[in-house]
Protein backbone atom coordinates (compact mmCIF):
# COMPACT_ATOMS: atom_id res chain seq x y z
CA MET A 1 43.53 -2.13 34.22
CA LYS A 2 42.79 -4.17 38.00
CA LEU A 3 39.25 -3.43 38.13
CA ALA A 4 38.35 -5.47 35.07
CA ARG A 5 40.66 -7.91 35.48
CA GLU A 6 38.77 -8.31 38.93
CA ALA A 7 35.26 -8.20 37.57
CA ARG A 8 36.61 -10.90 34.76
CA ARG A 9 37.76 -13.16 37.40
CA ILE A 10 34.62 -12.90 39.40
CA ALA A 11 32.00 -13.21 36.24
CA GLN A 12 34.43 -16.45 35.58
CA LEU A 13 33.74 -17.40 39.75
CA LEU A 14 29.99 -16.64 39.61
CA LYS A 15 29.58 -18.78 36.39
CA THR A 16 31.36 -21.73 37.92
CA SER A 17 29.63 -21.68 41.85
CA LYS A 18 26.46 -21.36 39.56
CA GLN A 19 25.38 -18.42 41.61
CA ARG A 20 24.09 -14.36 40.75
CA VAL A 21 25.19 -11.17 42.48
CA VAL A 22 23.22 -8.02 43.62
CA PHE A 23 25.16 -4.86 45.06
CA ALA A 24 24.35 -2.09 47.42
CA GLU A 25 26.63 0.69 46.98
CA SER A 26 26.69 3.89 48.28
CA CYS A 27 30.34 5.77 48.35
CA THR A 28 31.24 4.05 45.35
CA ALA A 29 27.94 5.10 43.62
CA GLY A 30 27.63 2.19 41.13
CA LEU A 31 31.00 1.88 40.43
CA VAL A 32 31.19 -1.45 41.19
CA SER A 33 28.33 -2.52 39.36
CA ALA A 34 29.77 -0.86 36.08
CA GLN A 35 32.82 -2.47 36.46
CA LEU A 36 30.91 -5.85 36.58
CA ALA A 37 28.33 -5.23 33.92
CA ALA A 38 31.33 -4.46 31.30
CA VAL A 39 32.11 -8.18 31.38
CA PRO A 40 30.80 -9.88 28.10
CA GLY A 41 28.14 -12.37 29.06
CA ILE A 42 27.32 -10.84 32.47
CA SER A 43 24.03 -10.56 32.38
CA ASP A 44 23.15 -14.36 33.50
CA LEU A 45 25.48 -13.89 36.40
CA TYR A 46 24.79 -10.06 37.53
CA CYS A 47 21.30 -9.33 39.21
CA GLY A 48 21.45 -5.19 39.24
CA SER A 49 22.81 -2.70 42.22
CA PHE A 50 20.60 -0.76 44.94
CA VAL A 51 22.68 2.90 44.36
CA THR A 52 21.77 4.47 47.59
CA TYR A 53 23.99 7.26 48.10
CA ARG A 54 22.01 9.54 50.60
CA ASN A 55 20.37 7.83 53.80
CA ARG A 56 16.78 8.38 52.67
CA SER A 57 17.47 6.14 50.16
CA LYS A 58 19.07 3.78 52.16
CA GLN A 59 16.09 3.81 54.14
CA ASP A 60 13.48 3.60 51.45
CA TRP A 61 15.21 1.26 49.15
CA LEU A 62 16.54 -1.04 51.67
CA SER A 63 14.62 -0.77 54.81
CA VAL A 64 17.34 0.66 56.60
CA PRO A 65 15.93 2.09 59.81
CA GLU A 66 16.44 5.82 60.53
CA GLU A 67 17.50 4.96 63.85
CA LEU A 68 20.75 3.20 63.00
CA LEU A 69 21.48 5.72 60.57
CA GLN A 70 21.39 8.04 63.04
CA ASP A 71 23.27 6.07 65.54
CA PRO A 72 25.69 4.53 64.84
CA GLY A 73 25.73 6.37 62.00
CA PRO A 74 25.47 5.35 57.60
CA VAL A 75 29.52 4.42 57.96
CA SER A 76 29.03 1.46 60.14
CA GLU A 77 28.90 -2.27 60.10
CA ILE A 78 25.51 -2.48 61.27
CA VAL A 79 24.10 -0.34 58.08
CA ALA A 80 26.57 -2.29 55.97
CA SER A 81 25.04 -5.27 57.11
CA LYS A 82 21.33 -4.16 56.84
CA MET A 83 22.15 -2.89 53.44
CA ALA A 84 23.32 -6.35 52.31
CA GLU A 85 20.67 -8.15 53.84
CA SER A 86 18.20 -6.59 52.38
CA ALA A 87 19.36 -5.96 49.14
CA LEU A 88 19.50 -9.98 48.95
CA LYS A 89 16.29 -10.26 50.01
CA GLN A 90 14.51 -7.82 47.83
CA THR A 91 16.45 -9.68 44.50
CA ARG A 92 15.07 -13.01 44.79
CA GLU A 93 17.26 -14.29 42.11
CA ALA A 94 20.60 -13.69 43.53
CA GLU A 95 22.35 -16.07 45.73
CA ILE A 96 24.84 -13.58 46.69
CA ALA A 97 24.64 -9.82 48.20
CA VAL A 98 27.57 -7.02 48.54
CA SER A 99 27.39 -4.01 50.41
CA VAL A 100 29.59 -1.24 50.61
CA THR A 101 29.30 2.42 52.58
CA GLY A 102 31.97 4.95 53.78
CA HIS A 103 33.39 8.32 54.25
CA LEU A 104 35.40 9.56 51.35
CA GLY A 105 35.84 12.89 52.17
CA PRO A 106 36.07 16.13 52.10
CA ASN A 107 34.39 17.18 55.17
CA ALA A 108 34.53 13.32 56.94
CA PRO A 109 34.47 13.25 60.88
CA LYS A 110 38.25 12.39 61.47
CA ARG A 111 38.15 9.44 62.90
CA GLN A 112 36.15 8.20 59.84
CA ASP A 113 37.52 9.92 56.81
CA GLY A 114 38.53 6.86 54.56
CA VAL A 115 36.90 4.26 55.96
CA VAL A 116 34.55 2.02 54.45
CA PHE A 117 32.35 -0.95 55.58
CA ILE A 118 32.20 -3.99 52.87
CA GLY A 119 29.04 -6.63 53.63
CA VAL A 120 28.24 -9.72 51.82
CA ALA A 121 25.38 -11.54 52.67
CA ILE A 122 24.81 -15.10 50.86
CA GLN A 123 21.83 -16.91 50.74
CA MET A 124 21.92 -20.08 52.67
CA ALA A 125 20.81 -23.33 51.54
CA ASP A 126 18.12 -24.27 54.32
CA ALA A 127 16.33 -20.66 53.56
CA SER A 128 17.17 -19.65 56.78
CA ARG A 129 18.38 -15.92 57.27
CA PRO A 130 21.21 -14.77 55.05
CA GLY A 131 25.04 -15.74 56.01
CA ILE A 132 26.27 -11.98 56.40
CA GLU A 133 29.78 -10.77 57.29
CA VAL A 134 31.32 -7.48 57.26
CA SER A 135 34.57 -5.79 57.09
CA ARG A 136 36.08 -2.63 57.88
CA HIS A 137 38.58 -1.08 55.91
CA HIS A 138 40.61 2.02 55.73
CA LEU A 139 41.69 3.46 52.44
CA LYS A 140 44.99 4.92 51.60
CA THR A 141 44.54 6.80 49.05
CA THR A 142 43.34 10.52 49.71
CA THR A 143 41.54 11.71 46.50
CA ARG A 144 37.77 11.52 46.49
CA HIS A 145 38.29 9.93 42.87
CA GLU A 146 41.06 7.60 43.87
CA ARG A 147 39.35 6.68 46.73
CA GLN A 148 36.17 5.49 45.01
CA ARG A 149 38.24 3.34 43.06
CA GLU A 150 40.18 1.69 45.60
CA ALA A 151 36.60 1.29 47.71
CA ALA A 152 35.42 -0.56 44.29
CA GLY A 153 38.82 -2.55 43.94
CA LEU A 154 37.82 -3.70 48.02
CA VAL A 155 34.62 -5.03 47.39
CA LEU A 156 35.64 -6.73 44.36
CA SER A 157 38.47 -8.19 46.43
CA ASN A 158 35.90 -9.45 49.16
CA LEU A 159 33.47 -10.70 46.87
CA SER A 160 36.27 -12.45 44.78
CA ARG A 161 37.41 -14.04 47.99
CA VAL A 162 34.05 -15.16 49.36
CA LEU A 163 33.36 -16.97 45.77
CA ARG A 164 36.49 -18.55 45.91
CA ARG A 165 36.19 -19.89 49.11
CA GLY A 166 33.14 -21.40 48.41
CA VAL A 167 33.81 -22.94 44.99
């Protein structure tokens, strides 16, 4: 299984780099965290996850401003950035936070159907604001279940790339 293999690779990269990770998941509803938590020995490296499926949860748990959730909306670069930044800020033992937000359908606006944003926040050594990068992806799959798995795979791939770059 591809997700499980990527999760094991990430666990090794986290161990090698001596870093811990926290997630802020929306459209994947905890699937990313479940994949990583299935790796034996991950408890030293995995801090947890904020599963903020609804806008109000993003506001209450991650301090995403309501005005951003209204415009440009929850599926946007700025919201993915704020989710990752806040998850990192609230999880003092983590050095990396990864967020995901997207429209998996049905009933998504046509221009956002299958679009996900993934944010990665990295705690900087000088304790300033974290370094944050956000990427936009358009999912190739069509069913909701397939899209959740594809989005989770993209989150893990992005995290793996960031960890390899820094190791």
